[in-house]
């Protein structure tokens, strides 16, 4: 089984409770939630910032983008440009699906007695 390794401290992520997947310019990386806070503090520019894909923020973003994409792709609200915006709105949805299938599905929801590494 392929292990999920934190991209900050290079230790194994043991359950979904510890996992934060983040995206930055077409990249998805797994982090411990503590390490992700450190990554956010280390980030100096908006262009280099990591945004969380899973969790509440990711869920709200995905829900809003699905609604926006459905409205723009099924109606003629903005014409051709609306279709392009609707397709671009599906990007966070794709990131969330990739995050789930690449990282989260491999991990148990919660491990009671975690070994500290």
N, C-alpha and C. Protein backbone atom coordinates (compact mmCIF):
# COMPACT_ATOMS: atom_id res chain seq x y z
N UNK A 1 0.84 -1.19 0.00
CA UNK A 1 0.00 0.00 0.00
C UNK A 1 0.88 1.24 0.00
N UNK A 2 0.58 2.16 -0.86
CA UNK A 2 1.34 3.40 -0.97
C UNK A 2 1.03 4.31 0.23
N UNK A 3 2.07 4.78 0.90
CA UNK A 3 1.88 5.61 2.08
C UNK A 3 1.78 7.08 1.68
N UNK A 4 0.97 7.81 2.44
CA UNK A 4 0.89 9.25 2.26
C UNK A 4 1.95 9.89 3.14
N UNK A 5 2.84 10.62 2.53
CA UNK A 5 3.94 11.27 3.22
C UNK A 5 3.71 12.78 3.17
N UNK A 6 3.85 13.42 4.32
CA UNK A 6 3.71 14.88 4.40
C UNK A 6 4.83 15.54 3.61
N UNK A 7 4.49 16.54 2.81
CA UNK A 7 5.48 17.20 1.97
C UNK A 7 6.30 18.25 2.73
N UNK A 8 5.99 18.45 4.01
CA UNK A 8 6.74 19.41 4.81
C UNK A 8 7.74 18.72 5.74
N UNK A 9 7.24 17.73 6.50
CA UNK A 9 8.13 17.06 7.47
C UNK A 9 8.58 15.68 6.99
N UNK A 10 8.01 15.18 5.90
CA UNK A 10 8.35 13.88 5.30
C UNK A 10 8.10 12.70 6.24
N UNK A 11 7.08 12.83 7.10
CA UNK A 11 6.65 11.72 7.94
C UNK A 11 5.31 11.22 7.42
N UNK A 12 4.98 9.99 7.82
CA UNK A 12 3.74 9.36 7.34
C UNK A 12 2.51 10.02 7.96
N UNK A 13 1.49 10.20 7.13
CA UNK A 13 0.19 10.67 7.61
C UNK A 13 -0.63 9.42 7.89
N UNK A 14 -1.12 9.28 9.12
CA UNK A 14 -1.71 8.01 9.54
C UNK A 14 -3.22 7.92 9.37
N UNK A 15 -3.94 9.04 9.42
CA UNK A 15 -5.38 8.99 9.21
C UNK A 15 -5.89 10.29 8.60
N UNK A 16 -7.17 10.29 8.21
CA UNK A 16 -7.74 11.47 7.55
C UNK A 16 -7.85 12.66 8.49
N UNK A 17 -7.85 12.39 9.79
CA UNK A 17 -7.95 13.46 10.78
C UNK A 17 -6.71 14.36 10.73
N UNK A 18 -5.57 13.82 10.36
CA UNK A 18 -4.32 14.58 10.27
C UNK A 18 -4.12 15.22 8.90
N UNK A 19 -4.83 14.75 7.89
CA UNK A 19 -4.55 15.10 6.50
C UNK A 19 -5.16 16.43 6.08
N UNK A 20 -4.35 17.24 5.46
CA UNK A 20 -4.81 18.42 4.73
C UNK A 20 -4.18 18.33 3.35
N UNK A 21 -5.03 18.24 2.33
CA UNK A 21 -4.49 18.29 0.98
C UNK A 21 -4.61 19.73 0.49
N UNK A 22 -3.57 20.22 -0.13
CA UNK A 22 -3.55 21.61 -0.57
C UNK A 22 -3.14 21.68 -2.03
N UNK A 23 -3.60 22.74 -2.68
CA UNK A 23 -3.27 22.92 -4.08
C UNK A 23 -2.56 24.25 -4.29
N UNK A 24 -1.68 24.23 -5.30
CA UNK A 24 -0.94 25.42 -5.68
C UNK A 24 -0.57 25.26 -7.14
N UNK A 25 -1.21 26.03 -8.02
CA UNK A 25 -0.88 26.02 -9.43
C UNK A 25 -0.82 24.61 -10.03
N UNK A 26 -1.92 23.92 -10.05
CA UNK A 26 -2.07 22.60 -10.67
C UNK A 26 -1.33 21.48 -9.93
N UNK A 27 -0.93 21.71 -8.69
CA UNK A 27 -0.29 20.67 -7.88
C UNK A 27 -1.16 20.39 -6.66
N UNK A 28 -1.23 19.13 -6.27
CA UNK A 28 -1.93 18.73 -5.05
C UNK A 28 -0.92 18.02 -4.17
N UNK A 29 -0.80 18.45 -2.92
CA UNK A 29 0.17 17.85 -2.01
C UNK A 29 -0.49 17.56 -0.67
N UNK A 30 -0.11 16.42 -0.04
CA UNK A 30 -0.63 16.12 1.30
C UNK A 30 0.25 16.72 2.40
N UNK A 31 -0.38 17.20 3.46
CA UNK A 31 0.32 17.74 4.61
C UNK A 31 -0.38 17.28 5.89
N UNK A 32 0.37 17.24 7.01
CA UNK A 32 -0.26 17.16 8.31
C UNK A 32 -0.93 18.51 8.56
N UNK A 33 -1.97 18.55 9.39
CA UNK A 33 -2.61 19.84 9.61
C UNK A 33 -1.68 20.81 10.31
N UNK A 34 -0.78 20.31 11.18
CA UNK A 34 0.19 21.18 11.84
C UNK A 34 1.23 21.71 10.83
N UNK A 35 1.66 20.86 9.96
CA UNK A 35 2.64 21.26 8.94
C UNK A 35 2.03 22.25 7.96
N UNK A 36 0.75 22.09 7.65
CA UNK A 36 0.10 23.02 6.73
C UNK A 36 0.05 24.43 7.32
N UNK A 37 -0.16 24.53 8.61
CA UNK A 37 -0.13 25.84 9.27
C UNK A 37 1.25 26.48 9.12
N UNK A 38 2.31 25.67 9.23
CA UNK A 38 3.66 26.18 9.05
C UNK A 38 3.92 26.60 7.61
N UNK A 39 3.38 25.84 6.67
CA UNK A 39 3.53 26.19 5.26
C UNK A 39 2.83 27.52 4.97
N UNK A 40 1.66 27.71 5.56
CA UNK A 40 0.96 28.97 5.37
C UNK A 40 1.74 30.15 5.94
N UNK A 41 2.40 29.94 7.07
CA UNK A 41 3.20 31.00 7.67
C UNK A 41 4.45 31.30 6.83
N UNK A 42 5.02 30.28 6.22
CA UNK A 42 6.22 30.45 5.41
C UNK A 42 5.95 31.11 4.07
N UNK A 43 4.71 31.04 3.60
CA UNK A 43 4.37 31.57 2.29
C UNK A 43 4.42 33.09 2.32
N UNK A 44 5.11 33.66 1.37
CA UNK A 44 5.32 35.11 1.35
C UNK A 44 4.41 35.84 0.34
N UNK A 45 4.04 35.19 -0.75
CA UNK A 45 3.25 35.86 -1.78
C UNK A 45 1.95 35.14 -2.02
N UNK A 46 1.03 35.83 -2.65
CA UNK A 46 -0.26 35.21 -3.00
C UNK A 46 -0.04 34.17 -4.09
N UNK A 47 0.88 34.42 -5.01
CA UNK A 47 1.13 33.50 -6.12
C UNK A 47 1.70 32.17 -5.63
N UNK A 48 2.37 32.18 -4.49
CA UNK A 48 2.97 30.96 -3.98
C UNK A 48 2.16 30.32 -2.87
N UNK A 49 0.95 30.80 -2.62
CA UNK A 49 0.19 30.30 -1.48
C UNK A 49 -0.48 28.96 -1.80
N UNK A 50 -0.60 28.16 -0.77
CA UNK A 50 -1.27 26.86 -0.85
C UNK A 50 -2.68 27.04 -0.31
N UNK A 51 -3.67 26.54 -1.01
CA UNK A 51 -5.04 26.61 -0.53
C UNK A 51 -5.55 25.20 -0.24
N UNK A 52 -6.24 25.01 0.89
CA UNK A 52 -6.72 23.67 1.25
C UNK A 52 -7.81 23.19 0.29
N UNK A 53 -7.75 21.91 -0.02
CA UNK A 53 -8.73 21.32 -0.93
C UNK A 53 -9.79 20.57 -0.14
N UNK A 54 -9.39 19.89 0.92
CA UNK A 54 -10.36 19.15 1.72
C UNK A 54 -10.74 19.98 2.94
N UNK A 55 -11.67 19.48 3.73
CA UNK A 55 -12.13 20.22 4.89
C UNK A 55 -13.31 21.10 4.55
N UNK A 56 -13.70 21.94 5.49
CA UNK A 56 -14.88 22.80 5.31
C UNK A 56 -14.68 23.80 4.17
N UNK A 57 -13.52 24.42 4.13
CA UNK A 57 -13.26 25.43 3.10
C UNK A 57 -13.35 24.81 1.71
N UNK A 58 -12.75 23.65 1.55
CA UNK A 58 -12.80 22.97 0.26
C UNK A 58 -14.20 22.54 -0.12
N UNK A 59 -14.97 22.08 0.86
CA UNK A 59 -16.34 21.64 0.60
C UNK A 59 -17.22 22.81 0.17
N UNK A 60 -17.08 23.94 0.84
CA UNK A 60 -17.87 25.12 0.48
C UNK A 60 -17.48 25.62 -0.91
N UNK A 61 -16.19 25.65 -1.19
CA UNK A 61 -15.72 26.08 -2.51
C UNK A 61 -16.25 25.18 -3.61
N UNK A 62 -16.19 23.88 -3.39
CA UNK A 62 -16.67 22.92 -4.40
C UNK A 62 -18.18 23.08 -4.60
N UNK A 63 -18.94 23.24 -3.53
CA UNK A 63 -20.39 23.40 -3.66
C UNK A 63 -20.73 24.66 -4.45
N UNK A 64 -20.07 25.76 -4.14
CA UNK A 64 -20.34 27.01 -4.87
C UNK A 64 -19.94 26.90 -6.34
N UNK A 65 -18.83 26.26 -6.62
CA UNK A 65 -18.37 26.13 -8.00
C UNK A 65 -19.25 25.19 -8.81
N UNK A 66 -19.79 24.15 -8.17
CA UNK A 66 -20.72 23.26 -8.88
C UNK A 66 -21.98 24.03 -9.26
N UNK A 67 -22.51 24.82 -8.33
CA UNK A 67 -23.70 25.62 -8.63
C UNK A 67 -23.41 26.61 -9.75
N UNK A 68 -22.27 27.31 -9.66
CA UNK A 68 -21.90 28.27 -10.70
C UNK A 68 -21.74 27.59 -12.06
N UNK A 69 -21.06 26.45 -12.09
CA UNK A 69 -20.84 25.74 -13.35
C UNK A 69 -22.15 25.26 -13.95
N UNK A 70 -23.03 24.72 -13.12
CA UNK A 70 -24.32 24.23 -13.63
C UNK A 70 -25.14 25.38 -14.20
N UNK A 71 -25.17 26.50 -13.48
CA UNK A 71 -25.95 27.64 -13.97
C UNK A 71 -25.38 28.16 -15.28
N UNK A 72 -24.08 28.33 -15.36
CA UNK A 72 -23.48 28.89 -16.57
C UNK A 72 -23.49 27.93 -17.75
N UNK A 73 -23.38 26.63 -17.48
CA UNK A 73 -23.35 25.66 -18.59
C UNK A 73 -24.73 25.28 -19.10
N UNK A 74 -25.76 25.41 -18.26
CA UNK A 74 -27.11 25.01 -18.70
C UNK A 74 -27.95 26.17 -19.19
N UNK A 75 -27.54 27.40 -18.89
CA UNK A 75 -28.29 28.56 -19.38
C UNK A 75 -27.44 29.34 -20.38
N UNK A 76 -28.06 30.32 -20.99
CA UNK A 76 -27.34 31.19 -21.92
C UNK A 76 -27.12 32.54 -21.24
N UNK A 77 -26.69 32.50 -20.00
CA UNK A 77 -26.57 33.69 -19.18
C UNK A 77 -25.54 34.68 -19.72
N UNK A 78 -24.35 34.24 -20.01
CA UNK A 78 -23.31 35.12 -20.53
C UNK A 78 -22.85 34.72 -21.93
N UNK A 79 -23.58 33.87 -22.56
CA UNK A 79 -23.23 33.42 -23.91
C UNK A 79 -22.05 32.47 -23.89
N UNK A 80 -21.17 32.62 -24.86
CA UNK A 80 -20.00 31.74 -24.98
C UNK A 80 -19.02 31.91 -23.85
N UNK A 81 -18.88 33.14 -23.36
CA UNK A 81 -17.94 33.38 -22.26
C UNK A 81 -18.44 32.70 -20.98
N UNK A 82 -19.76 32.58 -20.85
CA UNK A 82 -20.33 31.88 -19.69
C UNK A 82 -19.97 30.40 -19.69
N UNK A 83 -19.93 29.81 -20.89
CA UNK A 83 -19.52 28.41 -20.98
C UNK A 83 -18.06 28.22 -20.58
N UNK A 84 -17.22 29.15 -20.98
CA UNK A 84 -15.80 29.07 -20.60
C UNK A 84 -15.64 29.24 -19.09
N UNK A 85 -16.35 30.21 -18.53
CA UNK A 85 -16.29 30.41 -17.08
C UNK A 85 -16.85 29.19 -16.34
N UNK A 86 -17.90 28.60 -16.88
CA UNK A 86 -18.47 27.38 -16.28
C UNK A 86 -17.48 26.23 -16.28
N UNK A 87 -16.73 26.08 -17.36
CA UNK A 87 -15.71 25.02 -17.41
C UNK A 87 -14.57 25.31 -16.44
N UNK A 88 -14.16 26.57 -16.34
CA UNK A 88 -13.12 26.94 -15.37
C UNK A 88 -13.59 26.75 -13.93
N UNK A 89 -14.88 26.90 -13.69
CA UNK A 89 -15.42 26.71 -12.34
C UNK A 89 -15.37 25.24 -11.92
N UNK A 90 -15.21 24.35 -12.87
CA UNK A 90 -15.11 22.92 -12.54
C UNK A 90 -13.71 22.53 -12.06
N UNK A 91 -12.74 23.43 -12.16
CA UNK A 91 -11.37 23.14 -11.71
C UNK A 91 -11.30 22.76 -10.23
N UNK A 92 -11.90 23.51 -9.29
CA UNK A 92 -11.86 23.09 -7.88
C UNK A 92 -12.56 21.75 -7.64
N UNK A 93 -13.58 21.47 -8.42
CA UNK A 93 -14.29 20.19 -8.29
C UNK A 93 -13.36 19.05 -8.70
N UNK A 94 -12.64 19.24 -9.79
CA UNK A 94 -11.67 18.25 -10.24
C UNK A 94 -10.56 18.05 -9.21
N UNK A 95 -10.06 19.15 -8.64
CA UNK A 95 -9.03 19.05 -7.60
C UNK A 95 -9.53 18.26 -6.40
N UNK A 96 -10.76 18.51 -5.98
CA UNK A 96 -11.32 17.80 -4.82
C UNK A 96 -11.46 16.31 -5.11
N UNK A 97 -11.92 15.97 -6.30
CA UNK A 97 -12.05 14.55 -6.67
C UNK A 97 -10.68 13.88 -6.72
N UNK A 98 -9.69 14.54 -7.31
CA UNK A 98 -8.34 13.98 -7.34
C UNK A 98 -7.77 13.81 -5.93
N UNK A 99 -8.00 14.79 -5.09
CA UNK A 99 -7.53 14.72 -3.71
C UNK A 99 -8.13 13.51 -2.99
N UNK A 100 -9.41 13.30 -3.20
CA UNK A 100 -10.08 12.18 -2.54
C UNK A 100 -9.52 10.84 -3.03
N UNK A 101 -9.41 10.69 -4.34
CA UNK A 101 -8.98 9.41 -4.89
C UNK A 101 -7.48 9.15 -4.74
N UNK A 102 -6.66 10.19 -4.74
CA UNK A 102 -5.22 9.99 -4.62
C UNK A 102 -4.75 9.85 -3.17
N UNK A 103 -5.36 10.60 -2.25
CA UNK A 103 -4.83 10.64 -0.89
C UNK A 103 -5.80 10.13 0.18
N UNK A 104 -7.03 10.59 0.16
CA UNK A 104 -7.94 10.30 1.27
C UNK A 104 -8.47 8.88 1.30
N UNK A 105 -8.72 8.29 0.15
CA UNK A 105 -9.32 6.96 0.10
C UNK A 105 -8.40 5.90 0.69
N UNK A 106 -7.09 6.16 0.69
CA UNK A 106 -6.12 5.20 1.20
C UNK A 106 -6.03 5.20 2.73
N UNK A 107 -6.52 6.25 3.36
CA UNK A 107 -6.35 6.40 4.80
C UNK A 107 -7.61 6.03 5.56
N UNK A 108 -7.46 5.47 6.78
CA UNK A 108 -8.64 5.25 7.62
C UNK A 108 -9.15 6.59 8.14
N UNK A 109 -10.42 6.63 8.53
CA UNK A 109 -10.99 7.88 9.03
C UNK A 109 -10.29 8.36 10.29
N UNK A 110 -10.10 7.47 11.24
CA UNK A 110 -9.48 7.86 12.51
C UNK A 110 -8.76 6.67 13.11
N UNK A 111 -7.56 6.87 13.58
CA UNK A 111 -6.80 5.83 14.26
C UNK A 111 -6.73 6.21 15.73
N UNK A 112 -7.21 5.32 16.59
CA UNK A 112 -7.32 5.61 18.02
C UNK A 112 -5.96 5.85 18.67
N UNK A 113 -5.08 4.87 18.59
CA UNK A 113 -3.76 4.97 19.22
C UNK A 113 -2.70 5.11 18.13
N UNK A 114 -2.41 6.35 17.78
CA UNK A 114 -1.44 6.60 16.73
C UNK A 114 -0.03 6.44 17.27
N UNK A 115 0.82 5.87 16.44
CA UNK A 115 2.21 5.80 16.83
C UNK A 115 2.88 7.11 16.40
N UNK A 116 3.65 7.65 17.25
CA UNK A 116 4.31 8.92 16.96
C UNK A 116 5.64 8.64 16.29
N UNK A 117 5.82 9.22 15.11
CA UNK A 117 7.07 8.99 14.40
C UNK A 117 7.87 10.25 14.29
